Amino acid sequence: MSKIGHLHFILIAMLAGTLVQAQVYTPRFDVQGHRGARGAMPENTIPAFMYAIDAGVTTIEMDVAITKDGQVVVSHEGWMSAAITLDSAGKPIKEKDERKHNIYKLTYKDIAKYDVGSKVNERFPDQQKMKVSKPLLKDVIMTVEDYIKGHALYEVDYNIEIKTEPSMDGKFHPKPQEFSDIVFNLIDQYLSWDRIVIQSFDFRVLKYWHEKHPEVRLAALVENLNTIDENLKLLGFTPSIYSPEYHLLSKDEIKQCHSKRMRVIPWTVNETKEMEELKSWGVDGLITDYPDMAKQLGYTLKTSKGKK
């Protein structure tokens, strides 16, 4: 091959490599199964995450809490919610008593005795009824990863919310730094960080992760009436994802986020019309209790019983 021909070959190879790389890193429309698939299965349970994966979500979304013995359990509240929980004797928990069942004051052995699937959430009457307990995050990860490998599935991402409030520090959860360190050390044993998003309403959490683990994607959860610029000023940096309650979004705000190189993934979008409108406005994904609804619109990945 002549020198010119060799250079031409290298140029083509470099161009091809660039094109392949562009294809690999083109963001997908990110459908996230909220608490797994709360519309169909008990929230934040392994069956809910399996259901969401079979529906073709690109991300499973969940919340975590810390137990008395320092384990990371998947739970929306830092206590046993009266809306979904039966105690170890199979009796409903009264709403006025739910915070007495404080996860931060219970060992996981005790937590596993509560049933969070036999009492169907009144807001989601189509939810499948089953006896199931709150899982440990490590068990969710191991089960999901085994399922993916066993069924030749695509790899899902994990969007993990750390729920903290200043008034609850030391009472229902550790302080943000300790909480975050426990979660980081657990995830670091099982998954690569390119598959993880850490989200929070508490900007203390996001600031800590940004300073200590700048390589980790962060999502700012928003339900206030501040402008985008006001929230970013409070946060002190630009996160990877801006994740507001969907009613707070407009086309112009989506464009503004994109101009700042933030992806926009609103929550919790549970109606077909709203999904279609938000997608037409240019959102980068959505968080939903009904991944099947997104599947019917063709927004999720195509699967056949969970297969590609």
C-alpha atoms as a PDB file:
ATOM      1  CA  MET A   1       0.000   0.000   0.000  1.00  0.00           C
ATOM      2  CA  SER A   2       1.336   3.490  -0.849  1.00  0.00           C
ATOM      3  CA  LYS A   3       1.954   6.039   1.870  1.00  0.00           C
ATOM      4  CA  ILE A   4      -1.028   8.096   0.642  1.00  0.00           C
ATOM      5  CA  GLY A   5      -3.193   4.983   0.534  1.00  0.00           C
ATOM      6  CA  HIS A   6      -2.116   4.050   4.058  1.00  0.00           C
ATOM      7  CA  LEU A   7      -3.000   7.518   5.364  1.00  0.00           C
ATOM      8  CA  HIS A   8      -6.336   7.338   3.559  1.00  0.00           C
ATOM      9  CA  PHE A   9      -7.031   3.989   5.230  1.00  0.00           C
ATOM     10  CA  ILE A  10      -6.167   5.422   8.655  1.00  0.00           C
ATOM     11  CA  LEU A  11      -8.425   8.433   8.052  1.00  0.00           C
ATOM     12  CA  ILE A  12     -11.342   6.175   7.087  1.00  0.00           C
ATOM     13  CA  ALA A  13     -10.725   3.978  10.138  1.00  0.00           C
ATOM     14  CA  MET A  14     -10.613   7.011  12.422  1.00  0.00           C
ATOM     15  CA  LEU A  15     -13.811   8.378  10.898  1.00  0.00           C
ATOM     16  CA  ALA A  16     -15.516   5.011  11.244  1.00  0.00           C
ATOM     17  CA  GLY A  17     -14.407   4.817  14.857  1.00  0.00           C
ATOM     18  CA  THR A  18     -15.828   8.270  15.489  1.00  0.00           C
ATOM     19  CA  LEU A  19     -19.143   7.271  13.943  1.00  0.00           C
ATOM     20  CA  VAL A  20     -19.300   4.069  15.983  1.00  0.00           C
ATOM     21  CA  GLN A  21     -18.499   6.006  19.127  1.00  0.00           C
ATOM     22  CA  ALA A  22     -21.244   8.520  18.339  1.00  0.00           C
ATOM     23  CA  GLN A  23     -23.727   5.677  17.955  1.00  0.00           C
ATOM     24  CA  VAL A  24     -22.656   4.087  21.220  1.00  0.00           C
ATOM     25  CA  TYR A  25     -23.045   7.326  23.173  1.00  0.00           C
ATOM     26  CA  THR A  26     -26.248   8.597  21.576  1.00  0.00           C
ATOM     27  CA  PRO A  27     -28.604   8.896  24.573  1.00  0.00           C
ATOM     28  CA  ARG A  28     -31.678   6.702  24.500  1.00  0.00           C
ATOM     29  CA  PHE A  29     -35.074   7.982  25.516  1.00  0.00           C
ATOM     30  CA  ASP A  30     -34.848   6.983  29.153  1.00  0.00           C
ATOM     31  CA  VAL A  31     -38.024   5.345  30.478  1.00  0.00           C
ATOM     32  CA  GLN A  32     -37.641   4.820  34.211  1.00  0.00           C
ATOM     33  CA  GLY A  33     -39.838   2.442  36.157  1.00  0.00           C
ATOM     34  CA  HIS A  34     -40.862   4.413  39.257  1.00  0.00           C
ATOM     35  CA  ARG A  35     -40.306   2.297  42.363  1.00  0.00           C
ATOM     36  CA  GLY A  36     -40.105  -0.508  39.815  1.00  0.00           C
ATOM     37  CA  ALA A  37     -43.624  -0.516  38.415  1.00  0.00           C
ATOM     38  CA  ARG A  38     -45.878   0.772  41.177  1.00  0.00           C
ATOM     39  CA  GLY A  39     -48.986   0.703  39.014  1.00  0.00           C
ATOM     40  CA  ALA A  40     -48.772  -3.072  38.631  1.00  0.00           C
ATOM     41  CA  MET A  41     -46.647  -4.461  41.478  1.00  0.00           C
ATOM     42  CA  PRO A  42     -45.889  -3.662  45.125  1.00  0.00           C
ATOM     43  CA  GLU A  43     -43.555  -0.681  45.062  1.00  0.00           C
ATOM     44  CA  ASN A  44     -39.796  -0.962  45.515  1.00  0.00           C
ATOM     45  CA  THR A  45     -39.867  -4.762  45.555  1.00  0.00           C
ATOM     46  CA  ILE A  46     -37.971  -7.273  43.460  1.00  0.00           C
ATOM     47  CA  PRO A  47     -41.149  -8.370  41.568  1.00  0.00           C
ATOM     48  CA  ALA A  48     -41.738  -4.711  40.625  1.00  0.00           C
ATOM     49  CA  PHE A  49     -38.229  -4.342  39.224  1.00  0.00           C
ATOM     50  CA  MET A  50     -38.531  -7.589  37.256  1.00  0.00           C
ATOM     51  CA  TYR A  51     -41.842  -6.411  35.821  1.00  0.00           C
ATOM     52  CA  ALA A  52     -40.317  -3.100  34.751  1.00  0.00           C
ATOM     53  CA  ILE A  53     -37.407  -4.835  33.028  1.00  0.00           C
ATOM     54  CA  ASP A  54     -39.772  -7.099  31.104  1.00  0.00           C
ATOM     55  CA  ALA A  55     -41.675  -3.967  30.041  1.00  0.00           C
ATOM     56  CA  GLY A  56     -38.455  -2.676  28.464  1.00  0.00           C
ATOM     57  CA  VAL A  57     -37.482   0.193  30.758  1.00  0.00           C
ATOM     58  CA  THR A  58     -33.981   1.571  30.376  1.00  0.00           C
ATOM     59  CA  THR A  59     -33.703   2.456  34.078  1.00  0.00           C
ATOM     60  CA  ILE A  60     -35.153   1.098  37.294  1.00  0.00           C
ATOM     61  CA  GLU A  61     -35.845   3.856  39.811  1.00  0.00           C
ATOM     62  CA  MET A  62     -35.854   3.244  43.547  1.00  0.00           C
ATOM     63  CA  ASP A  63     -35.392   4.816  46.983  1.00  0.00           C
ATOM     64  CA  VAL A  64     -33.134   3.648  49.783  1.00  0.00           C
ATOM     65  CA  ALA A  65     -33.016   3.838  53.566  1.00  0.00           C
ATOM     66  CA  ILE A  66     -30.474   2.709  56.166  1.00  0.00           C
ATOM     67  CA  THR A  67     -31.249   0.098  58.816  1.00  0.00           C
ATOM     68  CA  LYS A  68     -30.119  -0.022  62.440  1.00  0.00           C
ATOM     69  CA  ASP A  69     -27.444  -2.545  61.442  1.00  0.00           C
ATOM     70  CA  GLY A  70     -26.148  -0.312  58.649  1.00  0.00           C
ATOM     71  CA  GLN A  71     -27.676  -2.108  55.682  1.00  0.00           C
ATOM     72  CA  VAL A  72     -29.131  -0.402  52.599  1.00  0.00           C
ATOM     73  CA  VAL A  73     -32.788  -1.326  52.223  1.00  0.00           C
ATOM     74  CA  VAL A  74     -35.029  -0.297  49.336  1.00  0.00           C
ATOM     75  CA  SER A  75     -37.851   1.831  50.738  1.00  0.00           C
ATOM     76  CA  HIS A  76     -39.538   5.107  49.838  1.00  0.00           C
ATOM     77  CA  GLU A  77     -40.037   6.179  53.434  1.00  0.00           C
ATOM     78  CA  GLY A  78     -37.720   5.866  56.393  1.00  0.00           C
ATOM     79  CA  TRP A  79     -40.520   3.986  58.131  1.00  0.00           C
ATOM     80  CA  MET A  80     -43.166   1.387  57.372  1.00  0.00           C
ATOM     81  CA  SER A  81     -45.909   3.181  55.435  1.00  0.00           C
ATOM     82  CA  ALA A  82     -49.444   2.503  56.652  1.00  0.00           C
ATOM     83  CA  ALA A  83     -50.640   2.670  53.020  1.00  0.00           C
ATOM     84  CA  ILE A  84     -48.900  -0.571  52.058  1.00  0.00           C
ATOM     85  CA  THR A  85     -47.707  -2.419  55.163  1.00  0.00           C
ATOM     86  CA  LEU A  86     -48.858  -5.262  57.395  1.00  0.00           C
ATOM     87  CA  ASP A  87     -46.826  -5.855  60.541  1.00  0.00           C
ATOM     88  CA  SER A  88     -45.116  -9.111  61.479  1.00  0.00           C
ATOM     89  CA  ALA A  89     -48.440 -10.442  62.820  1.00  0.00           C
ATOM     90  CA  GLY A  90     -50.205  -9.640  59.532  1.00  0.00           C
ATOM     91  CA  LYS A  91     -52.092  -6.659  60.975  1.00  0.00           C
ATOM     92  CA  PRO A  92     -52.418  -3.245  59.278  1.00  0.00           C
ATOM     93  CA  ILE A  93     -50.347  -0.381  60.647  1.00  0.00           C
ATOM     94  CA  LYS A  94     -52.291   2.721  61.628  1.00  0.00           C
ATOM     95  CA  GLU A  95     -51.229   5.932  59.944  1.00  0.00           C
ATOM     96  CA  LYS A  96     -50.708   7.662  63.295  1.00  0.00           C
ATOM     97  CA  ASP A  97     -48.303   4.881  64.295  1.00  0.00           C
ATOM     98  CA  GLU A  98     -46.332   4.376  61.089  1.00  0.00           C
ATOM     99  CA  ARG A  99     -43.317   6.435  62.140  1.00  0.00           C
ATOM    100  CA  LYS A 100     -42.946   4.272  65.225  1.00  0.00           C
ATOM    101  CA  HIS A 101     -41.860   1.577  62.783  1.00  0.00           C
ATOM    102  CA  ASN A 102     -38.638   3.452  62.089  1.00  0.00           C
ATOM    103  CA  ILE A 103     -36.343   1.623  59.630  1.00  0.00           C
ATOM    104  CA  TYR A 104     -33.283   3.369  61.087  1.00  0.00           C
ATOM    105  CA  LYS A 105     -34.120   1.836  64.479  1.00  0.00           C
ATOM    106  CA  LEU A 106     -34.824  -1.685  63.137  1.00  0.00           C
ATOM    107  CA  THR A 107     -32.434  -4.404  61.993  1.00  0.00           C
ATOM    108  CA  TYR A 108     -33.028  -5.846  58.552  1.00  0.00           C
ATOM    109  CA  LYS A 109     -33.991  -9.153  60.195  1.00  0.00           C
ATOM    110  CA  ASP A 110     -36.917  -7.313  61.810  1.00  0.00           C
ATOM    111  CA  ILE A 111     -37.757  -5.346  58.647  1.00  0.00           C
ATOM    112  CA  ALA A 112     -38.013  -8.529  56.587  1.00  0.00           C
ATOM    113  CA  LYS A 113     -40.920  -9.670  58.783  1.00  0.00           C
ATOM    114  CA  TYR A 114     -43.161  -6.854  57.491  1.00  0.00           C
ATOM    115  CA  ASP A 115     -45.366  -7.559  54.465  1.00  0.00           C
ATOM    116  CA  VAL A 116     -45.490  -4.716  51.931  1.00  0.00           C
ATOM    117  CA  GLY A 117     -47.444  -6.460  49.169  1.00  0.00           C
ATOM    118  CA  SER A 118     -50.578  -8.023  50.598  1.00  0.00           C
ATOM    119  CA  LYS A 119     -52.205  -4.674  51.373  1.00  0.00           C
ATOM    120  CA  VAL A 120     -52.727  -3.071  47.971  1.00  0.00           C
ATOM    121  CA  ASN A 121     -52.110   0.656  47.811  1.00  0.00           C
ATOM    122  CA  GLU A 122     -55.529   2.326  47.361  1.00  0.00           C
ATOM    123  CA  ARG A 123     -54.033   4.710  44.800  1.00  0.00           C
ATOM    124  CA  PHE A 124     -53.078   1.760  42.602  1.00  0.00           C
ATOM    125  CA  PRO A 125     -55.996  -0.713  42.646  1.00  0.00           C
ATOM    126  CA  ASP A 126     -54.599  -2.754  39.743  1.00  0.00           C
ATOM    127  CA  GLN A 127     -51.505  -3.614  41.733  1.00  0.00           C
ATOM    128  CA  GLN A 128     -50.930  -7.360  42.005  1.00  0.00           C
ATOM    129  CA  LYS A 129     -51.391  -8.594  45.540  1.00  0.00           C
ATOM    130  CA  MET A 130     -48.590 -10.750  46.989  1.00  0.00           C
ATOM    131  CA  LYS A 131     -46.737 -11.329  50.222  1.00  0.00           C
ATOM    132  CA  VAL A 132     -43.348  -9.665  49.854  1.00  0.00           C
ATOM    133  CA  SER A 133     -40.877  -7.782  52.033  1.00  0.00           C
ATOM    134  CA  LYS A 134     -38.685  -4.741  51.493  1.00  0.00           C
ATOM    135  CA  PRO A 135     -35.484  -5.991  49.841  1.00  0.00           C
ATOM    136  CA  LEU A 136     -31.888  -5.082  50.482  1.00  0.00           C
ATOM    137  CA  LEU A 137     -30.327  -3.062  47.678  1.00  0.00           C
ATOM    138  CA  LYS A 138     -27.626  -5.697  47.222  1.00  0.00           C
ATOM    139  CA  ASP A 139     -30.298  -8.377  46.707  1.00  0.00           C
ATOM    140  CA  VAL A 140     -32.062  -6.214  44.119  1.00  0.00           C
ATOM    141  CA  ILE A 141     -28.801  -5.736  42.240  1.00  0.00           C
ATOM    142  CA  MET A 142     -27.838  -9.413  42.331  1.00  0.00           C
ATOM    143  CA  THR A 143     -31.304 -10.544  41.258  1.00  0.00           C
ATOM    144  CA  VAL A 144     -31.534  -8.019  38.420  1.00  0.00           C
ATOM    145  CA  GLU A 145     -28.034  -8.767  37.148  1.00  0.00           C
ATOM    146  CA  ASP A 146     -28.616 -12.530  37.236  1.00  0.00           C
ATOM    147  CA  TYR A 147     -31.909 -12.049  35.401  1.00  0.00           C
ATOM    148  CA  ILE A 148     -30.266  -9.936  32.730  1.00  0.00           C
ATOM    149  CA  LYS A 149     -27.494 -12.468  32.159  1.00  0.00           C
ATOM    150  CA  GLY A 150     -29.870 -15.433  32.176  1.00  0.00           C
ATOM    151  CA  HIS A 151     -32.257 -13.896  29.654  1.00  0.00           C
ATOM    152  CA  ALA A 152     -29.776 -12.224  27.270  1.00  0.00           C
ATOM    153  CA  LEU A 153     -31.182  -8.826  28.215  1.00  0.00           C
ATOM    154  CA  TYR A 154     -29.765  -5.341  27.802  1.00  0.00           C
ATOM    155  CA  GLU A 155     -28.216  -3.754  30.889  1.00  0.00           C
ATOM    156  CA  VAL A 156     -30.540  -1.400  32.739  1.00  0.00           C
ATOM    157  CA  ASP A 157     -29.348   1.631  34.662  1.00  0.00           C
ATOM    158  CA  TYR A 158     -30.165   2.194  38.325  1.00  0.00           C
ATOM    159  CA  ASN A 159     -31.560   5.540  39.494  1.00  0.00           C
ATOM    160  CA  ILE A 160     -31.192   5.523  43.263  1.00  0.00           C
ATOM    161  CA  GLU A 161     -32.723   8.213  45.436  1.00  0.00           C
ATOM    162  CA  ILE A 162     -31.160   9.130  48.749  1.00  0.00           C
ATOM    163  CA  LYS A 163     -33.948  10.603  50.868  1.00  0.00           C
ATOM    164  CA  THR A 164     -32.793  12.919  53.622  1.00  0.00           C
ATOM    165  CA  GLU A 165     -34.163  15.977  55.404  1.00  0.00           C
ATOM    166  CA  PRO A 166     -32.283  18.138  57.902  1.00  0.00           C
ATOM    167  CA  SER A 167     -35.018  17.686  60.515  1.00  0.00           C
ATOM    168  CA  MET A 168     -34.668  13.892  60.281  1.00  0.00           C
ATOM    169  CA  ASP A 169     -30.878  13.645  60.469  1.00  0.00           C
ATOM    170  CA  GLY A 170     -29.929  11.131  63.148  1.00  0.00           C
ATOM    171  CA  LYS A 171     -33.584  10.233  63.747  1.00  0.00           C
ATOM    172  CA  PHE A 172     -34.794   8.472  60.608  1.00  0.00           C
ATOM    173  CA  HIS A 173     -31.530   8.334  58.686  1.00  0.00           C
ATOM    174  CA  PRO A 174     -27.821   9.120  59.049  1.00  0.00           C
ATOM    175  CA  LYS A 175     -26.505  12.535  58.061  1.00  0.00           C
ATOM    176  CA  PRO A 176     -26.094  12.918  54.282  1.00  0.00           C
ATOM    177  CA  GLN A 177     -22.357  12.242  54.278  1.00  0.00           C
ATOM    178  CA  GLU A 178     -22.616   8.986  56.246  1.00  0.00           C
ATOM    179  CA  PHE A 179     -25.735   7.901  54.326  1.00  0.00           C
ATOM    180  CA  SER A 180     -23.956   8.573  51.027  1.00  0.00           C
ATOM    181  CA  ASP A 181     -20.783   6.741  52.034  1.00  0.00           C
ATOM    182  CA  ILE A 182     -22.758   3.636  53.002  1.00  0.00           C
ATOM    183  CA  VAL A 183     -24.587   3.674  49.661  1.00  0.00           C
ATOM    184  CA  PHE A 184     -21.405   4.316  47.668  1.00  0.00           C
ATOM    185  CA  ASN A 185     -19.509   1.471  49.323  1.00  0.00           C
ATOM    186  CA  LEU A 186     -22.357  -0.954  48.666  1.00  0.00           C
ATOM    187  CA  ILE A 187     -22.859  -0.048  45.005  1.00  0.00           C
ATOM    188  CA  ASP A 188     -19.115  -0.025  44.369  1.00  0.00           C
ATOM    189  CA  GLN A 189     -18.986  -3.753  45.155  1.00  0.00           C
ATOM    190  CA  TYR A 190     -21.538  -4.725  42.519  1.00  0.00           C
ATOM    191  CA  LEU A 191     -21.876  -2.280  39.612  1.00  0.00           C
ATOM    192  CA  SER A 192     -19.896  -0.004  37.353  1.00  0.00           C
ATOM    193  CA  TRP A 193     -20.642   3.660  37.984  1.00  0.00           C
ATOM    194  CA  ASP A 194     -21.576   4.393  34.376  1.00  0.00           C
ATOM    195  CA  ARG A 195     -24.858   2.584  35.101  1.00  0.00           C
ATOM    196  CA  ILE A 196     -25.736   4.600  38.199  1.00  0.00           C
ATOM    197  CA  VAL A 197     -27.594   7.846  38.792  1.00  0.00           C
ATOM    198  CA  ILE A 198     -27.864   9.258  42.295  1.00  0.00           C
ATOM    199  CA  GLN A 199     -30.849  11.547  42.768  1.00  0.00           C
ATOM    200  CA  SER A 200     -32.113  13.593  45.679  1.00  0.00           C
ATOM    201  CA  PHE A 201     -34.368  16.486  46.649  1.00  0.00           C
ATOM    202  CA  ASP A 202     -31.831  17.310  49.348  1.00  0.00           C
ATOM    203  CA  PHE A 203     -29.123  19.397  47.706  1.00  0.00           C
ATOM    204  CA  ARG A 204     -26.785  18.567  50.615  1.00  0.00           C
ATOM    205  CA  VAL A 205     -26.624  15.029  49.245  1.00  0.00           C
ATOM    206  CA  LEU A 206     -25.913  16.132  45.683  1.00  0.00           C
ATOM    207  CA  LYS A 207     -23.224  18.603  46.770  1.00  0.00           C
ATOM    208  CA  TYR A 208     -21.458  15.887  48.734  1.00  0.00           C
ATOM    209  CA  TRP A 209     -21.484  13.430  45.803  1.00  0.00           C
ATOM    210  CA  HIS A 210     -20.350  16.150  43.400  1.00  0.00           C
ATOM    211  CA  GLU A 211     -17.355  16.954  45.597  1.00  0.00           C
ATOM    212  CA  LYS A 212     -16.398  13.406  46.556  1.00  0.00           C
ATOM    213  CA  HIS A 213     -17.444  11.434  43.458  1.00  0.00           C
ATOM    214  CA  PRO A 214     -17.520  13.850  40.505  1.00  0.00           C
ATOM    215  CA  GLU A 215     -17.636  10.953  38.030  1.00  0.00           C
ATOM    216  CA  VAL A 216     -21.103   9.851  39.202  1.00  0.00           C
ATOM    217  CA  ARG A 217     -24.157  11.152  37.331  1.00  0.00           C
ATOM    218  CA  LEU A 218     -26.417  13.207  39.571  1.00  0.00           C
ATOM    219  CA  ALA A 219     -30.078  14.145  39.194  1.00  0.00           C
ATOM    220  CA  ALA A 220     -31.584  17.154  40.938  1.00  0.00           C
ATOM    221  CA  LEU A 221     -35.129  16.304  41.984  1.00  0.00           C
ATOM    222  CA  VAL A 222     -37.296  19.418  42.034  1.00  0.00           C
ATOM    223  CA  GLU A 223     -40.807  20.161  43.269  1.00  0.00           C
ATOM    224  CA  ASN A 224     -40.399  23.835  44.158  1.00  0.00           C
ATOM    225  CA  LEU A 225     -41.429  26.931  42.193  1.00  0.00           C
ATOM    226  CA  ASN A 226     -37.902  28.312  41.862  1.00  0.00           C
ATOM    227  CA  THR A 227     -36.567  29.035  38.407  1.00  0.00           C
ATOM    228  CA  ILE A 228     -33.984  26.677  36.961  1.00  0.00           C
ATOM    229  CA  ASP A 229     -31.266  29.283  37.527  1.00  0.00           C
ATOM    230  CA  GLU A 230     -32.347  29.753  41.142  1.00  0.00           C
ATOM    231  CA  ASN A 231     -32.170  26.014  41.808  1.00  0.00           C
ATOM    232  CA  LEU A 232     -28.773  25.701  40.129  1.00  0.00           C
ATOM    233  CA  LYS A 233     -27.485  28.609  42.205  1.00  0.00           C
ATOM    234  CA  LEU A 234     -28.632  26.829  45.365  1.00  0.00           C
ATOM    235  CA  LEU A 235     -27.018  23.618  44.169  1.00  0.00           C
ATOM    236  CA  GLY A 236     -23.773  25.283  43.191  1.00  0.00           C
ATOM    237  CA  PHE A 237     -23.093  23.214  40.063  1.00  0.00           C
ATOM    238  CA  THR A 238     -24.864  21.872  36.975  1.00  0.00           C
ATOM    239  CA  PRO A 239     -26.004  18.261  37.434  1.00  0.00           C
ATOM    240  CA  SER A 240     -26.277  15.689  34.656  1.00  0.00           C
ATOM    241  CA  ILE A 241     -30.069  15.558  34.983  1.00  0.00           C
ATOM    242  CA  TYR A 242     -32.757  18.040  35.963  1.00  0.00           C
ATOM    243  CA  SER A 243     -35.738  16.060  37.245  1.00  0.00           C
ATOM    244  CA  PRO A 244     -38.780  18.192  38.134  1.00  0.00           C
ATOM    245  CA  GLU A 245     -42.371  17.247  38.873  1.00  0.00           C
ATOM    246  CA  TYR A 246     -43.725  17.210  35.331  1.00  0.00           C
ATOM    247  CA  HIS A 247     -46.363  19.923  35.861  1.00  0.00           C
ATOM    248  CA  LEU A 248     -43.524  22.382  36.476  1.00  0.00           C
ATOM    249  CA  LEU A 249     -42.073  21.961  32.979  1.00  0.00           C
ATOM    250  CA  SER A 250     -42.520  24.022  29.823  1.00  0.00           C
ATOM    251  CA  LYS A 251     -40.972  23.778  26.371  1.00  0.00           C
ATOM    252  CA  ASP A 252     -38.808  26.803  27.063  1.00  0.00           C
ATOM    253  CA  GLU A 253     -37.519  25.344  30.332  1.00  0.00           C
ATOM    254  CA  ILE A 254     -36.564  22.119  28.558  1.00  0.00           C
ATOM    255  CA  LYS A 255     -34.621  24.164  25.996  1.00  0.00           C
ATOM    256  CA  GLN A 256     -32.980  26.101  28.810  1.00  0.00           C
ATOM    257  CA  CYS A 257     -31.857  22.873  30.489  1.00  0.00           C
ATOM    258  CA  HIS A 258     -30.497  21.550  27.209  1.00  0.00           C
ATOM    259  CA  SER A 259     -28.567  24.784  26.671  1.00  0.00           C
ATOM    260  CA  LYS A 260     -26.868  24.029  29.987  1.00  0.00           C
ATOM    261  CA  ARG A 261     -26.172  20.434  28.854  1.00  0.00           C
ATOM    262  CA  MET A 262     -28.603  18.926  31.358  1.00  0.00           C
ATOM    263  CA  ARG A 263     -30.914  16.082  30.413  1.00  0.00           C
ATOM    264  CA  VAL A 264     -34.541  16.571  31.484  1.00  0.00           C
ATOM    265  CA  ILE A 265     -36.367  13.597  33.021  1.00  0.00           C
ATOM    266  CA  PRO A 266     -39.620  14.586  34.776  1.00  0.00           C
ATOM    267  CA  TRP A 267     -41.649  12.607  37.323  1.00  0.00           C
ATOM    268  CA  THR A 268     -44.162  10.941  37.778  1.00  0.00           C
ATOM    269  CA  VAL A 269     -45.879  10.737  34.383  1.00  0.00           C
ATOM    270  CA  ASN A 270     -48.806   8.313  34.428  1.00  0.00           C
ATOM    271  CA  GLU A 271     -51.081   9.337  31.550  1.00  0.00           C
ATOM    272  CA  THR A 272     -50.603   8.586  27.839  1.00  0.00           C
ATOM    273  CA  LYS A 273     -51.501  12.115  26.772  1.00  0.00           C
ATOM    274  CA  GLU A 274     -48.959  13.625  29.140  1.00  0.00           C
ATOM    275  CA  MET A 275     -46.243  11.202  28.011  1.00  0.00           C
ATOM    276  CA  GLU A 276     -46.839  12.119  24.370  1.00  0.00           C
ATOM    277  CA  GLU A 277     -46.888  15.848  25.059  1.00  0.00           C
ATOM    278  CA  LEU A 278     -43.699  15.818  27.120  1.00  0.00           C
ATOM    279  CA  LYS A 279     -41.874  13.707  24.545  1.00  0.00           C
ATOM    280  CA  SER A 280     -42.954  16.082  21.776  1.00  0.00           C
ATOM    281  CA  TRP A 281     -41.516  18.944  23.855  1.00  0.00           C
ATOM    282  CA  GLY A 282     -38.125  17.246  23.872  1.00  0.00           C
ATOM    283  CA  VAL A 283     -37.712  15.669  27.300  1.00  0.00           C
ATOM    284  CA  ASP A 284     -34.943  13.067  27.482  1.00  0.00           C
ATOM    285  CA  GLY A 285     -37.006  10.507  29.329  1.00  0.00           C
ATOM    286  CA  LEU A 286     -39.683  10.160  31.974  1.00  0.00           C
ATOM    287  CA  ILE A 287     -40.315   8.438  35.275  1.00  0.00           C
ATOM    288  CA  THR A 288     -43.575   6.483  35.418  1.00  0.00           C
ATOM    289  CA  ASP A 289     -45.509   4.075  37.608  1.00  0.00           C
ATOM    290  CA  TYR A 290     -46.793   2.458  34.392  1.00  0.00           C
ATOM    291  CA  PRO A 291     -43.927   1.261  32.163  1.00  0.00           C
ATOM    292  CA  ASP A 292     -46.476  -0.799  30.210  1.00  0.00           C
ATOM    293  CA  MET A 293     -48.122   2.447  29.141  1.00  0.00           C
ATOM    294  CA  ALA A 294     -44.797   3.718  27.837  1.00  0.00           C
ATOM    295  CA  LYS A 295     -44.276   0.363  26.143  1.00  0.00           C
ATOM    296  CA  GLN A 296     -47.573   0.690  24.259  1.00  0.00           C
ATOM    297  CA  LEU A 297     -46.393   4.060  22.950  1.00  0.00           C
ATOM    298  CA  GLY A 298     -43.166   2.469  21.728  1.00  0.00           C
ATOM    299  CA  TYR A 299     -40.965   4.390  24.170  1.00  0.00           C
ATOM    300  CA  THR A 300     -39.404   1.382  25.921  1.00  0.00           C
ATOM    301  CA  LEU A 301     -36.954  -1.122  24.482  1.00  0.00           C
ATOM    302  CA  LYS A 302     -38.528  -3.957  22.523  1.00  0.00           C
ATOM    303  CA  THR A 303     -38.573  -7.222  24.412  1.00  0.00           C
ATOM    304  CA  SER A 304     -40.179 -10.613  24.060  1.00  0.00           C
ATOM    305  CA  LYS A 305     -40.715 -11.973  27.534  1.00  0.00           C
ATOM    306  CA  GLY A 306     -37.798  -9.765  28.481  1.00  0.00           C
ATOM    307  CA  LYS A 307     -35.567 -10.754  25.547  1.00  0.00           C
ATOM    308  CA  LYS A 308     -34.070  -8.495  22.902  1.00  0.00           C
END
